[in-house]
Each structure stands twice: as C-alpha cells, then as structure tokens.
Protein backbone atom coordinates (compact mmCIF):
# COMPACT_ATOMS: atom_id res chain seq x y z
CA MET A 1 -15.34 8.45 4.20
CA MET A 2 -11.37 9.34 3.57
CA HIS A 3 -8.72 7.40 1.06
CA MET A 4 -5.14 6.31 0.62
CA LEU A 5 -3.72 5.98 -2.42
CA ILE A 6 -0.46 4.63 -2.71
CA ARG A 7 1.58 4.30 -5.82
CA HIS A 8 4.96 2.53 -6.09
CA LYS A 9 7.08 0.16 -7.94
CA VAL A 10 8.09 -3.31 -7.32
CA ALA A 11 10.48 -5.51 -8.20
CA ASP A 12 8.46 -8.21 -9.54
CA PHE A 13 4.79 -8.46 -8.65
CA ALA A 14 4.42 -12.62 -8.56
CA LYS A 15 7.09 -11.88 -5.57
CA TRP A 16 5.49 -8.93 -4.19
CA LYS A 17 1.74 -10.09 -3.89
CA PRO A 18 2.22 -12.83 -1.49
CA VAL A 19 3.84 -10.42 0.88
CA TYR A 20 1.51 -7.62 0.15
CA ASP A 21 -1.35 -10.74 1.49
CA ALA A 22 0.61 -11.70 4.07
CA HIS A 23 0.96 -7.94 5.65
CA GLU A 24 -3.08 -7.88 5.47
CA PRO A 25 -3.91 -8.32 9.23
CA SER A 26 -1.46 -5.00 9.68
CA ARG A 27 -3.27 -2.79 7.34
CA GLN A 28 -6.69 -3.99 9.32
CA ASN A 29 -4.82 -3.32 12.58
CA ALA A 30 -4.29 0.73 11.00
CA GLY A 31 -8.19 0.74 9.79
CA LEU A 32 -7.46 0.68 6.01
CA LYS A 33 -9.82 -1.34 3.43
CA GLU A 34 -8.28 -1.89 0.02
CA GLU A 35 -10.74 -0.70 -2.10
CA HIS A 36 -8.66 -1.30 -5.42
CA LEU A 37 -5.37 -3.20 -6.43
CA LEU A 38 -4.46 -2.05 -9.82
CA ARG A 39 -0.97 -2.51 -12.30
CA ASN A 40 -0.29 -0.27 -15.05
CA ALA A 41 -1.12 -1.32 -17.95
CA ASP A 42 2.36 -0.63 -19.34
CA ASP A 43 4.19 -1.24 -16.82
CA PRO A 44 2.70 -4.39 -14.66
CA ASN A 45 5.13 -3.96 -11.98
CA GLU A 46 3.87 -0.57 -11.24
CA VAL A 47 1.08 -1.24 -8.34
CA ILE A 48 -1.72 1.41 -7.58
CA LEU A 49 -3.35 0.90 -4.14
CA LEU A 50 -6.46 2.94 -2.91
CA PHE A 51 -7.66 1.94 0.55
CA SER A 52 -10.79 3.40 2.46
CA THR A 53 -10.66 4.58 6.21
CA GLU A 54 -11.91 6.01 8.61
CA ASP A 55 -9.04 7.49 10.54
CA LEU A 56 -6.56 9.33 8.47
CA ASP A 57 -4.05 9.84 11.55
CA LYS A 58 -3.84 6.07 12.20
CA ALA A 59 -3.42 5.35 8.20
CA LYS A 60 -0.38 8.55 8.46
CA ALA A 61 1.19 6.17 10.95
CA PHE A 62 1.10 3.26 9.17
CA THR A 63 2.35 4.37 6.05
CA ALA A 64 5.33 6.00 8.22
CA SER A 65 5.84 2.59 10.31
CA ASP A 66 9.25 0.42 10.78
CA ASP A 67 6.60 -2.32 9.98
CA LEU A 68 5.48 -1.43 7.25
CA ARG A 69 8.77 -0.16 5.85
CA GLN A 70 10.22 -3.79 6.28
CA ALA A 71 7.49 -5.33 4.39
CA MET A 72 8.34 -3.31 1.50
CA GLN A 73 11.87 -4.27 1.91
CA LYS A 74 10.83 -7.93 1.74
CA ALA A 75 8.69 -7.39 -0.76
CA GLY A 76 10.96 -6.13 -3.29
CA VAL A 77 9.31 -1.82 -3.22
CA SER A 78 11.84 -0.11 -5.62
CA ASP A 79 10.99 3.00 -5.68
CA LYS A 80 9.89 5.59 -2.71
CA PRO A 81 5.71 5.21 -2.75
CA ASP A 82 3.74 8.25 -3.70
CA VAL A 83 1.17 8.49 -1.12
CA TYR A 84 -1.80 10.73 -1.37
CA PHE A 85 -4.50 11.03 1.41
CA LEU A 86 -8.23 12.21 -0.22
CA LYS A 87 -11.68 13.06 1.11
CA ASP A 88 -14.59 12.70 -0.81
C-alpha cells in the first residue's frame, strides 16, 4: 500500500470543505482513498490530508492536473501544497 500526504493552507476551512467534498469523484477516478483529513490545532485553516493508493503514477498525475488546480483555486487554497508520496 502506498500513500499520498498533502499539506496546504486554505483561506477559510468552511468554504474549502464543500468544494473538497464535491471533488471526491475526481479523487476516486485517480484511485485515491481518503484515510485522514486533519486540521492544525493551532491553525484550523491548515489542512493535512492522507490518502491511500494502489497506483502512485495515477496519484502523481492527479496532483499535476488542471482539474485539481482549478478545484484548489475555487476552494481558496492559499499556498502551494506540500505533496509527499509515501510507501509503508
């Protein structure tokens, strides 16, 4: 099993979350399964997401896609996400 970890800040979590939720079909098509959605205890607009995946190439293509870039822009992601691809 492999994982993808993403950390980014959002302008407003309450506005970000519905856009994130609506984008789930795109994540599923990319073979990503959400394992954890976490928020920084000191900064609730800093979001950390952990996904499991069977196919790192598909996950990497998803992170580079215009579809994801547009969804992040619409959701109010306010910095460049840190993305890590991890193996057990």
